Amino acid sequence: MRWAGTDLHRFTDGKIVEWWRNDDFLWLLNELEGTVLAAPSAPSTEA
């Protein structure tokens, strides 16, 4: 299995001062055969 994501680093004076990570969790759920989005339910017609 492969893992997908993005790392962004901001440097000041040669040091990392900020780090952002974005992982592709929808892809991971799909790989694990999970249900990503549930099917929308029909609106109730009961009065």
Protein backbone atom coordinates (compact mmCIF):
# COMPACT_ATOMS: atom_id res chain seq x y z
CA MET A 1 0.00 0.00 0.00
CA ARG A 2 1.21 3.50 -0.76
CA TRP A 3 0.47 6.62 1.25
CA ALA A 4 -0.21 9.98 -0.40
CA GLY A 5 0.07 13.41 1.12
CA THR A 6 1.76 16.79 0.98
CA ASP A 7 4.17 18.41 3.42
CA LEU A 8 4.83 22.16 3.38
CA HIS A 9 7.61 23.70 5.44
CA ARG A 10 8.35 27.36 6.10
CA PHE A 11 11.93 28.20 7.02
CA THR A 12 13.35 31.21 8.87
CA ASP A 13 17.09 31.49 9.45
CA GLY A 14 17.56 27.91 8.26
CA LYS A 15 15.08 26.45 10.77
CA ILE A 16 11.61 25.05 10.22
CA VAL A 17 9.21 27.50 11.88
CA GLU A 18 5.99 26.15 10.41
CA TRP A 19 4.93 22.74 9.10
CA TRP A 20 1.68 21.83 7.37
CA ARG A 21 0.70 18.29 6.37
CA ASN A 22 -2.20 17.25 4.19
CA ASP A 23 -2.92 13.51 3.98
CA ASP A 24 -5.19 12.00 1.36
CA PHE A 25 -7.62 10.25 3.70
CA LEU A 26 -10.32 9.72 1.05
CA TRP A 27 -7.81 7.76 -1.00
CA LEU A 28 -6.80 5.76 2.08
CA LEU A 29 -10.41 4.88 2.91
CA ASN A 30 -10.93 3.77 -0.67
CA GLU A 31 -7.82 1.57 -0.49
CA LEU A 32 -9.12 0.01 2.72
CA GLU A 33 -12.47 -0.56 0.99
CA GLY A 34 -14.28 1.76 3.36
CA THR A 35 -17.38 3.71 2.51
CA VAL A 36 -16.24 7.24 1.75
CA LEU A 37 -19.63 8.86 1.45
CA ALA A 38 -22.96 7.38 2.47
CA ALA A 39 -25.71 7.47 -0.10
CA PRO A 40 -28.14 10.34 0.54
CA SER A 41 -31.38 9.25 2.12
CA ALA A 42 -34.67 10.04 0.44
CA PRO A 43 -36.73 12.78 2.10
CA SER A 44 -39.53 11.53 4.29
CA THR A 45 -42.98 11.71 2.69
CA GLU A 46 -44.86 10.96 5.91
CA ALA A 47 -47.20 13.68 7.14
